[in-house]
Amino acid sequence: MANEKIILGIDPGTTIMGFGLIKVVNKKMEFLQMNELLLQKYDDPYIKLKLIFERTIELIDTYHPDEIAIEAPFFGKNVQSMLKLGRAQGVAMAAGLSRQIPITEYLPKKIKMAITGNGNASKEQVARMLQSTLGLKSLPKNLDSTDGLAAAVCHFYNEGRIEIGKSYTGWDAFVKQNANKVKKQ
């Protein structure tokens, strides 16, 4: 029997959530799907979070990924944007954790470096490299889906490395690894 697994990559966002799936068979990648969840038409931020959670659960129930790779929010100057992005990421992570799927976070620079060899590559450069590597016939208009796909491919490339990022196997592991970050009052 072939050694295979499915990796779901997620680029969280409150306007567009991009995602991509690859299947790894005997250490070779196969493209499965990429798409995006469009959220700009919703004004209520809680509805957006609910939709992110539900779509992530739907992807998990449909494709049964063995692992999830998620792009970690980068630290910007706009605190409100960071909070919104962190919530979107947290909801997607909660969906995976609720199904006991191991999750690994990658910084955007690490994903870009894994795909293009340049941590400062543009979204277009990442998309074109994925197109070449996976034999994609065309690229989407919005590149959020290729960013999600890039997270999955980055995870594949980093498989077996000792230090690949923050990884959680369930709620207990998440709480243990993050307990020191919560201030007790």
Protein backbone atom coordinates (compact mmCIF):
# COMPACT_ATOMS: atom_id res chain seq x y z
CA MET A 1 0.00 0.00 0.00
CA ALA A 2 1.29 3.46 -0.89
CA ASN A 3 2.33 5.81 1.90
CA GLU A 4 -0.02 8.76 1.46
CA LYS A 5 -1.44 11.72 3.31
CA ILE A 6 -3.40 14.87 2.62
CA ILE A 7 -2.28 18.33 3.73
CA LEU A 8 -4.69 21.26 4.00
CA GLY A 9 -3.06 24.68 3.75
CA ILE A 10 -4.90 27.77 4.95
CA ASP A 11 -4.25 31.47 4.44
CA PRO A 12 -6.63 32.96 7.02
CA GLY A 13 -8.33 36.27 6.41
CA THR A 14 -11.49 38.17 7.27
CA THR A 15 -11.99 39.37 3.70
CA ILE A 16 -10.80 36.26 1.83
CA MET A 17 -9.71 32.94 3.30
CA GLY A 18 -7.55 31.04 0.84
CA PHE A 19 -7.02 27.30 1.04
CA GLY A 20 -5.31 24.57 -0.91
CA LEU A 21 -5.01 20.81 -0.62
CA ILE A 22 -2.27 18.48 -1.74
CA LYS A 23 -1.98 14.73 -1.56
CA VAL A 24 1.41 13.24 -0.83
CA VAL A 25 1.90 9.76 -2.24
CA ASN A 26 5.27 8.08 -1.69
CA LYS A 27 6.88 11.47 -0.99
CA LYS A 28 5.51 13.05 -4.19
CA MET A 29 3.02 15.91 -4.23
CA GLU A 30 -0.24 15.86 -6.16
CA PHE A 31 -2.49 18.90 -6.44
CA LEU A 32 -6.03 18.28 -5.20
CA GLN A 33 -7.79 21.63 -4.96
CA MET A 34 -7.48 25.31 -4.15
CA ASN A 35 -10.16 27.89 -3.63
CA GLU A 36 -11.18 30.79 -1.46
CA LEU A 37 -13.96 31.72 0.87
CA LEU A 38 -15.14 35.24 -0.02
CA LEU A 39 -16.20 37.17 3.06
CA GLN A 40 -16.23 40.82 1.93
CA LYS A 41 -20.01 40.90 1.49
CA TYR A 42 -20.57 40.25 5.21
CA ASP A 43 -20.46 43.17 7.61
CA ASP A 44 -20.80 41.27 10.87
CA PRO A 45 -17.34 40.07 12.01
CA TYR A 46 -18.87 37.20 13.98
CA ILE A 47 -20.68 35.88 10.91
CA LYS A 48 -17.32 35.90 9.10
CA LEU A 49 -15.71 33.86 11.90
CA LYS A 50 -18.63 31.42 11.86
CA LEU A 51 -18.27 30.99 8.09
CA ILE A 52 -14.51 30.42 8.38
CA PHE A 53 -15.11 27.74 11.00
CA GLU A 54 -17.87 26.05 8.99
CA ARG A 55 -15.89 26.07 5.71
CA THR A 56 -12.82 24.65 7.44
CA ILE A 57 -14.94 21.87 8.99
CA GLU A 58 -16.50 21.20 5.57
CA LEU A 59 -13.03 20.89 4.00
CA ILE A 60 -11.93 18.54 6.78
CA ASP A 61 -15.04 16.37 6.46
CA THR A 62 -14.75 16.25 2.66
CA TYR A 63 -11.00 15.69 2.18
CA HIS A 64 -9.99 14.16 5.54
CA PRO A 65 -6.60 15.91 5.77
CA ASP A 66 -3.97 14.27 7.95
CA GLU A 67 -2.30 17.59 8.73
CA ILE A 68 -3.05 21.31 8.49
CA ALA A 69 -0.53 24.03 7.67
CA ILE A 70 -1.65 27.57 8.40
CA GLU A 71 -0.04 30.90 7.65
CA ALA A 72 0.67 32.74 10.89
CA PRO A 73 -0.25 36.41 11.04
CA PHE A 74 2.70 38.69 10.43
CA PHE A 75 3.25 41.55 12.82
CA GLY A 76 2.11 44.80 11.26
CA LYS A 77 1.53 48.27 12.56
CA ASN A 78 -2.27 48.12 12.49
CA VAL A 79 -3.37 46.48 15.75
CA GLN A 80 -7.01 46.15 14.67
CA SER A 81 -5.99 44.28 11.52
CA MET A 82 -3.79 41.97 13.58
CA LEU A 83 -6.65 41.20 15.96
CA LYS A 84 -9.03 40.41 13.09
CA LEU A 85 -6.46 38.21 11.37
CA GLY A 86 -5.62 36.44 14.63
CA ARG A 87 -9.28 35.67 15.21
CA ALA A 88 -9.65 34.27 11.69
CA GLN A 89 -6.58 32.10 12.21
CA GLY A 90 -7.81 30.98 15.63
CA VAL A 91 -11.20 29.93 14.29
CA ALA A 92 -9.60 27.90 11.47
CA MET A 93 -7.24 26.31 14.00
CA ALA A 94 -10.15 25.52 16.33
CA ALA A 95 -11.90 23.67 13.50
CA GLY A 96 -8.83 21.48 12.95
CA LEU A 97 -8.21 20.96 16.65
CA SER A 98 -11.85 19.92 17.13
CA ARG A 99 -11.14 17.07 14.71
CA GLN A 100 -7.78 16.22 16.34
CA ILE A 101 -5.78 17.16 13.23
CA PRO A 102 -2.18 18.28 13.85
CA ILE A 103 -1.65 21.94 12.94
CA THR A 104 1.60 23.69 12.10
CA GLU A 105 1.95 27.46 11.71
CA TYR A 106 4.39 29.05 9.28
CA LEU A 107 5.41 32.67 9.01
CA PRO A 108 4.78 34.19 5.57
CA LYS A 109 8.53 34.62 4.97
CA LYS A 110 9.14 30.93 5.70
CA ILE A 111 6.43 29.91 3.23
CA LYS A 112 7.80 32.22 0.53
CA MET A 113 11.33 30.94 1.16
CA ALA A 114 10.19 27.31 0.89
CA ILE A 115 8.36 27.89 -2.38
CA THR A 116 10.60 30.39 -4.21
CA GLY A 117 13.89 30.44 -2.30
CA ASN A 118 13.23 34.12 -1.49
CA GLY A 119 11.52 35.10 1.76
CA ASN A 120 10.55 38.45 0.23
CA ALA A 121 8.91 37.02 -2.90
CA SER A 122 5.66 38.57 -4.12
CA LYS A 123 2.33 36.73 -4.16
CA GLU A 124 2.68 36.52 -7.96
CA GLN A 125 6.13 34.88 -7.74
CA VAL A 126 4.82 32.32 -5.23
CA ALA A 127 1.80 31.59 -7.45
CA ARG A 128 3.93 31.12 -10.57
CA MET A 129 6.33 28.78 -8.79
CA LEU A 130 3.39 26.70 -7.54
CA GLN A 131 1.97 26.68 -11.07
CA SER A 132 5.26 25.34 -12.38
CA THR A 133 5.86 22.86 -9.55
CA LEU A 134 2.34 21.38 -9.48
CA GLY A 135 1.52 21.75 -13.19
CA LEU A 136 -1.45 24.05 -12.61
CA LYS A 137 -3.12 25.02 -15.88
CA SER A 138 -4.13 28.49 -14.70
CA LEU A 139 -3.96 30.76 -11.69
CA PRO A 140 -6.92 32.31 -9.87
CA LYS A 141 -7.69 36.02 -10.06
CA ASN A 142 -7.17 36.44 -6.31
CA LEU A 143 -3.98 34.83 -5.07
CA ASP A 144 -5.27 34.02 -1.58
CA SER A 145 -5.97 30.45 -2.67
CA THR A 146 -2.38 30.04 -3.92
CA ASP A 147 -1.20 31.39 -0.55
CA GLY A 148 -3.18 28.62 1.16
CA LEU A 149 -1.76 26.08 -1.27
CA ALA A 150 1.73 27.46 -0.59
CA ALA A 151 1.28 26.76 3.14
CA ALA A 152 0.51 23.11 2.35
CA VAL A 153 3.50 22.79 -0.01
CA CYS A 154 5.77 24.51 2.53
CA HIS A 155 4.66 21.94 5.11
CA PHE A 156 5.47 19.12 2.71
CA TYR A 157 8.93 20.57 2.03
CA ASN A 158 9.60 20.93 5.76
CA GLU A 159 8.47 17.42 6.66
CA GLY A 160 10.94 15.62 8.86
CA ARG A 161 12.78 18.77 9.88
CA ILE A 162 13.27 19.15 13.59
CA GLU A 163 12.15 22.80 13.83
CA ILE A 164 9.25 23.42 11.47
CA GLY A 165 7.15 25.86 13.43
CA LYS A 166 4.54 25.72 16.12
CA SER A 167 2.65 22.48 16.02
CA TYR A 168 -0.45 21.37 17.90
CA THR A 169 -2.06 17.93 17.95
CA GLY A 170 -5.19 18.89 19.87
CA TRP A 171 -6.63 21.23 22.46
CA ASP A 172 -4.49 19.80 25.27
CA ALA A 173 -1.27 20.37 23.32
CA PHE A 174 -2.37 23.88 22.34
CA VAL A 175 -3.16 24.82 25.95
CA LYS A 176 0.13 23.36 27.26
CA GLN A 177 2.22 25.20 24.67
CA ASN A 178 0.43 28.51 25.18
CA ALA A 179 -0.39 28.47 28.91
CA ASN A 180 2.57 30.71 29.74
CA LYS A 181 1.29 33.39 27.34
CA VAL A 182 -1.89 33.97 29.34
CA LYS A 183 -1.59 36.33 32.28
CA LYS A 184 -3.40 35.13 35.37
CA GLN A 185 -5.29 37.84 37.24
